[in-house]
Amino acid sequence: MYAKILVPVDGSPTSNAGLAEAIRLAKLSGGEIRLLHALDLQAFAMMSSAGLGITPDNFEQIRAGGQKVLADASAAVGAAGLRVSTQLSESLSSRVSDLVAEECRSWGGEVIVLGTHGRRGLSRALLGSDAELIVRYAEVPVLLVRGPKEG
């Protein structure tokens, strides 16, 4: 079974569904969980340059929000009695999928577990799919967990 389980988290219900599945998997395997919150600062920088109200001061708030996401997820893993570590990754030049794949390689992860919206058609094409890119570029198995249905 998997001893090192990487779980990208963003605090959304979909991400939390992935985290819950990773906790179940770690309990079965006796594995440890590495939580990753990836910040695509390029996206925020582009919003700032487009005049959408994102300033350099907001970057610290964004990082603090990421730390809170990690702390909340870490508390859930710890409450399940599992070993947990966290990583906040950020980049101005890499996509979220690249950050996930790199963290998995450098940590020695054996599986990636993440929630997915399961979008199809135009909404997927317009919004992109981090999950699809992670599946494409990861060097380890990826377990996709469907999040709650959006109303």
N, C-alpha and C. Protein backbone atom coordinates (compact mmCIF):
# COMPACT_ATOMS: atom_id res chain seq x y z
N MET A 1 0.84 -1.19 0.00
CA MET A 1 0.00 0.00 0.00
C MET A 1 0.88 1.25 0.00
N TYR A 2 0.24 2.36 -0.04
CA TYR A 2 0.93 3.64 -0.14
C TYR A 2 1.34 4.17 1.23
N ALA A 3 2.63 4.45 1.37
CA ALA A 3 3.14 4.97 2.64
C ALA A 3 3.21 6.49 2.66
N LYS A 4 3.30 7.11 1.48
CA LYS A 4 3.43 8.56 1.38
C LYS A 4 2.37 9.09 0.42
N ILE A 5 1.38 9.78 1.00
CA ILE A 5 0.21 10.23 0.25
C ILE A 5 0.23 11.76 0.18
N LEU A 6 0.32 12.28 -1.03
CA LEU A 6 0.31 13.73 -1.24
C LEU A 6 -1.12 14.18 -1.51
N VAL A 7 -1.55 15.23 -0.79
CA VAL A 7 -2.91 15.72 -0.93
C VAL A 7 -2.90 17.23 -1.15
N PRO A 8 -3.12 17.68 -2.39
CA PRO A 8 -3.28 19.12 -2.62
C PRO A 8 -4.60 19.59 -2.02
N VAL A 9 -4.56 20.69 -1.29
CA VAL A 9 -5.77 21.20 -0.62
C VAL A 9 -5.93 22.68 -0.90
N ASP A 10 -7.20 23.10 -0.98
CA ASP A 10 -7.49 24.53 -1.12
C ASP A 10 -8.62 24.99 -0.21
N GLY A 11 -9.13 24.09 0.63
CA GLY A 11 -10.18 24.44 1.58
C GLY A 11 -11.59 24.36 1.02
N SER A 12 -11.74 24.04 -0.26
CA SER A 12 -13.07 23.95 -0.86
C SER A 12 -13.73 22.62 -0.48
N PRO A 13 -15.06 22.53 -0.62
CA PRO A 13 -15.72 21.25 -0.38
C PRO A 13 -15.16 20.12 -1.25
N THR A 14 -14.81 20.43 -2.48
CA THR A 14 -14.24 19.42 -3.37
C THR A 14 -12.89 18.95 -2.84
N SER A 15 -12.05 19.88 -2.42
CA SER A 15 -10.75 19.54 -1.85
C SER A 15 -10.93 18.73 -0.57
N ASN A 16 -11.91 19.10 0.24
CA ASN A 16 -12.16 18.38 1.49
C ASN A 16 -12.62 16.94 1.24
N ALA A 17 -13.33 16.71 0.14
CA ALA A 17 -13.71 15.34 -0.22
C ALA A 17 -12.47 14.52 -0.54
N GLY A 18 -11.52 15.11 -1.26
CA GLY A 18 -10.25 14.43 -1.53
C GLY A 18 -9.48 14.15 -0.27
N LEU A 19 -9.45 15.12 0.65
CA LEU A 19 -8.76 14.94 1.92
C LEU A 19 -9.38 13.80 2.73
N ALA A 20 -10.70 13.74 2.77
CA ALA A 20 -11.37 12.67 3.53
C ALA A 20 -11.00 11.30 2.97
N GLU A 21 -10.93 11.19 1.65
CA GLU A 21 -10.55 9.92 1.03
C GLU A 21 -9.09 9.58 1.34
N ALA A 22 -8.22 10.58 1.32
CA ALA A 22 -6.81 10.36 1.64
C ALA A 22 -6.65 9.89 3.08
N ILE A 23 -7.45 10.43 3.98
CA ILE A 23 -7.41 10.00 5.38
C ILE A 23 -7.81 8.53 5.48
N ARG A 24 -8.87 8.14 4.77
CA ARG A 24 -9.28 6.73 4.78
C ARG A 24 -8.16 5.84 4.22
N LEU A 25 -7.54 6.27 3.15
CA LEU A 25 -6.47 5.49 2.54
C LEU A 25 -5.27 5.37 3.49
N ALA A 26 -4.91 6.46 4.14
CA ALA A 26 -3.78 6.44 5.07
C ALA A 26 -4.06 5.55 6.28
N LYS A 27 -5.29 5.53 6.74
CA LYS A 27 -5.65 4.65 7.85
C LYS A 27 -5.48 3.19 7.45
N LEU A 28 -5.89 2.86 6.23
CA LEU A 28 -5.76 1.49 5.74
C LEU A 28 -4.31 1.07 5.53
N SER A 29 -3.50 2.01 5.06
CA SER A 29 -2.13 1.67 4.69
C SER A 29 -1.12 1.98 5.78
N GLY A 30 -1.54 2.69 6.83
CA GLY A 30 -0.58 3.13 7.84
C GLY A 30 0.34 4.21 7.30
N GLY A 31 -0.11 4.89 6.26
CA GLY A 31 0.71 5.89 5.60
C GLY A 31 0.66 7.25 6.26
N GLU A 32 1.52 8.11 5.77
CA GLU A 32 1.54 9.50 6.22
C GLU A 32 1.03 10.39 5.09
N ILE A 33 0.55 11.56 5.47
CA ILE A 33 -0.02 12.49 4.51
C ILE A 33 0.81 13.76 4.47
N ARG A 34 1.12 14.21 3.25
CA ARG A 34 1.72 15.53 3.05
C ARG A 34 0.65 16.38 2.40
N LEU A 35 0.30 17.47 3.07
CA LEU A 35 -0.67 18.41 2.55
C LEU A 35 0.06 19.50 1.78
N LEU A 36 -0.44 19.83 0.61
CA LEU A 36 0.18 20.85 -0.22
C LEU A 36 -0.86 21.89 -0.59
N HIS A 37 -0.52 23.14 -0.34
CA HIS A 37 -1.34 24.24 -0.85
C HIS A 37 -0.46 24.99 -1.83
N ALA A 38 -0.88 25.02 -3.08
CA ALA A 38 -0.08 25.63 -4.15
C ALA A 38 -0.69 26.97 -4.55
N LEU A 39 0.15 27.99 -4.51
CA LEU A 39 -0.27 29.33 -4.90
C LEU A 39 0.30 29.66 -6.27
N ASP A 40 -0.58 29.91 -7.20
CA ASP A 40 -0.17 30.35 -8.53
C ASP A 40 -0.15 31.87 -8.50
N LEU A 41 0.97 32.44 -8.09
CA LEU A 41 1.06 33.89 -7.93
C LEU A 41 0.97 34.61 -9.27
N GLN A 42 1.29 33.91 -10.36
CA GLN A 42 1.18 34.52 -11.67
C GLN A 42 -0.28 34.90 -11.96
N ALA A 43 -1.20 34.04 -11.58
CA ALA A 43 -2.62 34.34 -11.80
C ALA A 43 -3.02 35.59 -11.02
N PHE A 44 -2.54 35.69 -9.77
CA PHE A 44 -2.86 36.88 -8.98
C PHE A 44 -2.19 38.11 -9.55
N ALA A 45 -0.96 37.97 -10.02
CA ALA A 45 -0.24 39.10 -10.61
C ALA A 45 -0.96 39.58 -11.88
N MET A 46 -1.48 38.64 -12.68
CA MET A 46 -2.20 39.02 -13.88
C MET A 46 -3.49 39.76 -13.52
N MET A 47 -4.16 39.33 -12.44
CA MET A 47 -5.36 40.02 -12.00
C MET A 47 -5.01 41.43 -11.56
N SER A 48 -3.87 41.58 -10.89
CA SER A 48 -3.42 42.89 -10.43
C SER A 48 -3.13 43.81 -11.61
N SER A 49 -2.42 43.28 -12.60
CA SER A 49 -2.07 44.11 -13.76
C SER A 49 -3.30 44.46 -14.59
N ALA A 50 -4.36 43.67 -14.47
CA ALA A 50 -5.60 43.97 -15.17
C ALA A 50 -6.48 44.93 -14.38
N GLY A 51 -5.96 45.40 -13.23
CA GLY A 51 -6.71 46.36 -12.42
C GLY A 51 -7.83 45.76 -11.63
N LEU A 52 -7.71 44.51 -11.27
CA LEU A 52 -8.78 43.83 -10.54
C LEU A 52 -8.62 43.89 -9.04
N GLY A 53 -7.85 44.84 -8.54
CA GLY A 53 -7.80 45.07 -7.10
C GLY A 53 -6.82 44.23 -6.32
N ILE A 54 -5.96 43.47 -6.97
CA ILE A 54 -4.96 42.67 -6.27
C ILE A 54 -3.68 43.50 -6.23
N THR A 55 -3.19 43.75 -5.03
CA THR A 55 -1.97 44.53 -4.85
C THR A 55 -0.91 43.66 -4.20
N PRO A 56 0.35 44.10 -4.22
CA PRO A 56 1.39 43.31 -3.54
C PRO A 56 1.07 43.04 -2.07
N ASP A 57 0.38 43.97 -1.41
CA ASP A 57 -0.01 43.74 -0.01
C ASP A 57 -0.96 42.55 0.11
N ASN A 58 -1.76 42.35 -0.93
CA ASN A 58 -2.70 41.23 -0.91
C ASN A 58 -1.98 39.89 -0.94
N PHE A 59 -0.76 39.83 -1.50
CA PHE A 59 -0.03 38.58 -1.57
C PHE A 59 0.20 38.00 -0.18
N GLU A 60 0.50 38.85 0.79
CA GLU A 60 0.68 38.34 2.16
C GLU A 60 -0.62 37.78 2.72
N GLN A 61 -1.73 38.43 2.38
CA GLN A 61 -3.03 37.90 2.81
C GLN A 61 -3.32 36.57 2.13
N ILE A 62 -2.94 36.45 0.87
CA ILE A 62 -3.13 35.20 0.13
C ILE A 62 -2.30 34.09 0.77
N ARG A 63 -1.05 34.39 1.11
CA ARG A 63 -0.20 33.40 1.77
C ARG A 63 -0.78 33.00 3.13
N ALA A 64 -1.25 33.99 3.88
CA ALA A 64 -1.84 33.69 5.19
C ALA A 64 -3.07 32.80 5.03
N GLY A 65 -3.86 33.06 4.01
CA GLY A 65 -5.02 32.20 3.73
C GLY A 65 -4.59 30.78 3.41
N GLY A 66 -3.50 30.64 2.66
CA GLY A 66 -2.96 29.31 2.36
C GLY A 66 -2.50 28.59 3.60
N GLN A 67 -1.85 29.32 4.51
CA GLN A 67 -1.41 28.71 5.77
C GLN A 67 -2.61 28.25 6.60
N LYS A 68 -3.70 29.02 6.56
CA LYS A 68 -4.91 28.62 7.31
C LYS A 68 -5.51 27.36 6.71
N VAL A 69 -5.55 27.28 5.38
CA VAL A 69 -6.05 26.07 4.72
C VAL A 69 -5.24 24.86 5.17
N LEU A 70 -3.91 25.03 5.19
CA LEU A 70 -3.03 23.92 5.62
C LEU A 70 -3.26 23.57 7.08
N ALA A 71 -3.41 24.58 7.93
CA ALA A 71 -3.62 24.33 9.36
C ALA A 71 -4.93 23.58 9.60
N ASP A 72 -5.99 23.98 8.92
CA ASP A 72 -7.29 23.32 9.08
C ASP A 72 -7.22 21.87 8.60
N ALA A 73 -6.61 21.66 7.44
CA ALA A 73 -6.50 20.30 6.90
C ALA A 73 -5.60 19.44 7.79
N SER A 74 -4.53 20.03 8.29
CA SER A 74 -3.61 19.32 9.18
C SER A 74 -4.32 18.89 10.47
N ALA A 75 -5.19 19.75 10.98
CA ALA A 75 -5.95 19.40 12.19
C ALA A 75 -6.86 18.20 11.93
N ALA A 76 -7.47 18.15 10.73
CA ALA A 76 -8.33 17.01 10.39
C ALA A 76 -7.54 15.72 10.32
N VAL A 77 -6.34 15.78 9.72
CA VAL A 77 -5.50 14.59 9.62
C VAL A 77 -5.01 14.17 11.00
N GLY A 78 -4.59 15.15 11.80
CA GLY A 78 -4.12 14.85 13.15
C GLY A 78 -5.22 14.25 14.02
N ALA A 79 -6.46 14.74 13.85
CA ALA A 79 -7.59 14.20 14.62
C ALA A 79 -7.84 12.75 14.27
N ALA A 80 -7.44 12.33 13.08
CA ALA A 80 -7.60 10.93 12.67
C ALA A 80 -6.44 10.07 13.16
N GLY A 81 -5.49 10.69 13.87
CA GLY A 81 -4.37 9.94 14.43
C GLY A 81 -3.28 9.60 13.42
N LEU A 82 -3.19 10.37 12.37
CA LEU A 82 -2.22 10.08 11.30
C LEU A 82 -1.06 11.08 11.33
N ARG A 83 0.07 10.65 10.79
CA ARG A 83 1.21 11.55 10.63
C ARG A 83 0.94 12.49 9.48
N VAL A 84 1.29 13.77 9.68
CA VAL A 84 0.99 14.77 8.67
C VAL A 84 2.11 15.81 8.62
N SER A 85 2.39 16.29 7.42
CA SER A 85 3.28 17.42 7.23
C SER A 85 2.63 18.33 6.19
N THR A 86 3.10 19.58 6.15
CA THR A 86 2.49 20.54 5.24
C THR A 86 3.55 21.24 4.41
N GLN A 87 3.11 21.72 3.26
CA GLN A 87 3.99 22.49 2.37
C GLN A 87 3.16 23.55 1.66
N LEU A 88 3.60 24.80 1.78
CA LEU A 88 3.01 25.89 1.00
C LEU A 88 3.97 26.18 -0.14
N SER A 89 3.53 25.96 -1.36
CA SER A 89 4.38 26.19 -2.53
C SER A 89 3.80 27.34 -3.33
N GLU A 90 4.68 28.16 -3.86
CA GLU A 90 4.22 29.27 -4.68
C GLU A 90 5.19 29.49 -5.83
N SER A 91 4.62 30.03 -6.90
CA SER A 91 5.45 30.27 -8.06
C SER A 91 4.84 31.38 -8.90
N LEU A 92 5.69 32.16 -9.51
CA LEU A 92 5.24 33.15 -10.48
C LEU A 92 5.28 32.59 -11.90
N SER A 93 5.91 31.43 -12.07
CA SER A 93 6.09 30.93 -13.43
C SER A 93 5.58 29.51 -13.65
N SER A 94 5.15 28.82 -12.62
CA SER A 94 4.70 27.44 -12.76
C SER A 94 3.20 27.34 -12.52
N ARG A 95 2.56 26.40 -13.22
CA ARG A 95 1.15 26.12 -12.98
C ARG A 95 1.03 25.30 -11.70
N VAL A 96 -0.18 25.28 -11.15
CA VAL A 96 -0.44 24.49 -9.95
C VAL A 96 -0.07 23.03 -10.19
N SER A 97 -0.40 22.51 -11.35
CA SER A 97 -0.10 21.10 -11.65
C SER A 97 1.41 20.84 -11.59
N ASP A 98 2.21 21.79 -12.05
CA ASP A 98 3.66 21.64 -11.99
C ASP A 98 4.15 21.63 -10.55
N LEU A 99 3.57 22.49 -9.72
CA LEU A 99 3.96 22.54 -8.31
C LEU A 99 3.62 21.22 -7.61
N VAL A 100 2.47 20.65 -7.93
CA VAL A 100 2.06 19.38 -7.32
C VAL A 100 3.01 18.27 -7.76
N ALA A 101 3.28 18.19 -9.05
CA ALA A 101 4.17 17.13 -9.55
C ALA A 101 5.57 17.26 -8.94
N GLU A 102 6.07 18.48 -8.83
CA GLU A 102 7.41 18.69 -8.26
C GLU A 102 7.44 18.33 -6.78
N GLU A 103 6.42 18.71 -6.03
CA GLU A 103 6.38 18.37 -4.61
C GLU A 103 6.33 16.86 -4.43
N CYS A 104 5.56 16.17 -5.26
CA CYS A 104 5.48 14.72 -5.17
C CYS A 104 6.84 14.09 -5.42
N ARG A 105 7.53 14.55 -6.44
CA ARG A 105 8.87 14.02 -6.75
C ARG A 105 9.85 14.29 -5.60
N SER A 106 9.90 15.53 -5.15
CA SER A 106 10.91 15.88 -4.14
C SER A 106 10.64 15.23 -2.79
N TRP A 107 9.38 15.03 -2.45
CA TRP A 107 9.03 14.40 -1.17
C TRP A 107 9.08 12.88 -1.25
N GLY A 108 9.01 12.33 -2.45
CA GLY A 108 8.96 10.88 -2.61
C GLY A 108 7.57 10.32 -2.46
N GLY A 109 6.57 11.12 -2.81
CA GLY A 109 5.18 10.67 -2.72
C GLY A 109 4.92 9.45 -3.60
N GLU A 110 4.03 8.59 -3.12
CA GLU A 110 3.70 7.36 -3.84
C GLU A 110 2.34 7.40 -4.51
N VAL A 111 1.50 8.34 -4.09
CA VAL A 111 0.18 8.51 -4.70
C VAL A 111 -0.26 9.95 -4.40
N ILE A 112 -1.04 10.51 -5.33
CA ILE A 112 -1.64 11.83 -5.14
C ILE A 112 -3.14 11.63 -5.05
N VAL A 113 -3.76 12.22 -4.03
CA VAL A 113 -5.21 12.13 -3.87
C VAL A 113 -5.76 13.54 -3.89
N LEU A 114 -6.69 13.80 -4.80
CA LEU A 114 -7.27 15.14 -4.84
C LEU A 114 -8.71 15.11 -5.30
N GLY A 115 -9.44 16.11 -4.83
CA GLY A 115 -10.82 16.27 -5.25
C GLY A 115 -10.89 16.89 -6.62
N THR A 116 -11.96 16.59 -7.34
CA THR A 116 -12.17 17.17 -8.66
C THR A 116 -13.64 17.55 -8.81
N HIS A 117 -13.86 18.60 -9.56
CA HIS A 117 -15.24 19.03 -9.83
C HIS A 117 -15.91 18.15 -10.85
N GLY A 118 -15.12 17.47 -11.67
CA GLY A 118 -15.69 16.61 -12.70
C GLY A 118 -16.44 17.39 -13.77
N ARG A 119 -15.98 18.62 -14.03
CA ARG A 119 -16.64 19.43 -15.06
C ARG A 119 -16.43 18.81 -16.44
N ARG A 120 -17.37 19.09 -17.31
CA ARG A 120 -17.28 18.60 -18.69
C ARG A 120 -17.59 19.75 -19.64
N GLY A 121 -17.29 19.51 -20.88
CA GLY A 121 -17.70 20.44 -21.92
C GLY A 121 -17.10 21.82 -21.80
N LEU A 122 -17.92 22.83 -22.06
CA LEU A 122 -17.46 24.20 -22.14
C LEU A 122 -16.91 24.71 -20.82
N SER A 123 -17.54 24.37 -19.69
CA SER A 123 -17.04 24.88 -18.41
C SER A 123 -15.64 24.35 -18.13
N ARG A 124 -15.35 23.09 -18.50
CA ARG A 124 -14.01 22.55 -18.32
C ARG A 124 -13.03 23.25 -19.25
N ALA A 125 -13.45 23.47 -20.48
CA ALA A 125 -12.57 24.12 -21.46
C ALA A 125 -12.25 25.54 -21.04
N LEU A 126 -13.22 26.26 -20.51
CA LEU A 126 -13.00 27.65 -20.10
C LEU A 126 -12.21 27.75 -18.80
N LEU A 127 -12.49 26.87 -17.87
CA LEU A 127 -11.86 26.95 -16.56
C LEU A 127 -10.56 26.17 -16.48
N GLY A 128 -10.31 25.27 -17.45
CA GLY A 128 -9.13 24.42 -17.37
C GLY A 128 -9.36 23.33 -16.34
N SER A 129 -8.40 22.47 -16.21
CA SER A 129 -8.54 21.41 -15.24
C SER A 129 -7.19 21.09 -14.62
N ASP A 130 -6.99 21.60 -13.40
CA ASP A 130 -5.75 21.26 -12.68
C ASP A 130 -5.66 19.75 -12.50
N ALA A 131 -6.79 19.11 -12.18
CA ALA A 131 -6.77 17.67 -11.95
C ALA A 131 -6.31 16.93 -13.21
N GLU A 132 -6.80 17.34 -14.37
CA GLU A 132 -6.41 16.68 -15.61
C GLU A 132 -4.91 16.83 -15.86
N LEU A 133 -4.38 18.02 -15.60
CA LEU A 133 -2.95 18.24 -15.80
C LEU A 133 -2.11 17.47 -14.79
N ILE A 134 -2.59 17.35 -13.56
CA ILE A 134 -1.87 16.56 -12.56
C ILE A 134 -1.82 15.11 -13.00
N VAL A 135 -2.94 14.57 -13.45
CA VAL A 135 -2.97 13.19 -13.94
C VAL A 135 -1.98 13.02 -15.09
N ARG A 136 -1.95 13.99 -15.97
CA ARG A 136 -1.10 13.91 -17.15
C ARG A 136 0.39 13.92 -16.80
N TYR A 137 0.79 14.74 -15.83
CA TYR A 137 2.22 14.93 -15.57
C TYR A 137 2.76 14.21 -14.33
N ALA A 138 1.91 13.69 -13.49
CA ALA A 138 2.39 13.00 -12.30
C ALA A 138 3.08 11.70 -12.68
N GLU A 139 4.10 11.36 -11.92
CA GLU A 139 4.84 10.12 -12.16
C GLU A 139 4.35 8.99 -11.26
N VAL A 140 3.31 9.25 -10.47
CA VAL A 140 2.75 8.26 -9.56
C VAL A 140 1.25 8.17 -9.82
N PRO A 141 0.59 7.15 -9.30
CA PRO A 141 -0.87 7.07 -9.45
C PRO A 141 -1.56 8.29 -8.85
N VAL A 142 -2.68 8.67 -9.45
CA VAL A 142 -3.47 9.79 -8.97
C VAL A 142 -4.89 9.28 -8.73
N LEU A 143 -5.37 9.48 -7.52
CA LEU A 143 -6.74 9.11 -7.16
C LEU A 143 -7.59 10.38 -7.17
N LEU A 144 -8.54 10.46 -8.10
CA LEU A 144 -9.45 11.59 -8.20
C LEU A 144 -10.73 11.28 -7.45
N VAL A 145 -11.14 12.21 -6.61
CA VAL A 145 -12.36 12.02 -5.80
C VAL A 145 -13.36 13.09 -6.21
N ARG A 146 -14.51 12.67 -6.65
CA ARG A 146 -15.54 13.61 -7.06
C ARG A 146 -16.03 14.37 -5.84
N GLY A 147 -16.04 15.68 -5.97
CA GLY A 147 -16.54 16.54 -4.90
C GLY A 147 -18.06 16.55 -4.88
N PRO A 148 -18.63 17.25 -3.92
CA PRO A 148 -20.09 17.34 -3.86
C PRO A 148 -20.64 18.04 -5.09
N LYS A 149 -21.84 17.66 -5.47
CA LYS A 149 -22.47 18.28 -6.65
C LYS A 149 -22.75 19.74 -6.36
N GLU A 150 -22.46 20.56 -7.37
CA GLU A 150 -22.72 21.99 -7.23
C GLU A 150 -24.16 22.26 -7.61
N GLY A 151 -24.81 23.12 -6.84
CA GLY A 151 -26.22 23.39 -7.05
C GLY A 151 -26.51 24.29 -8.10
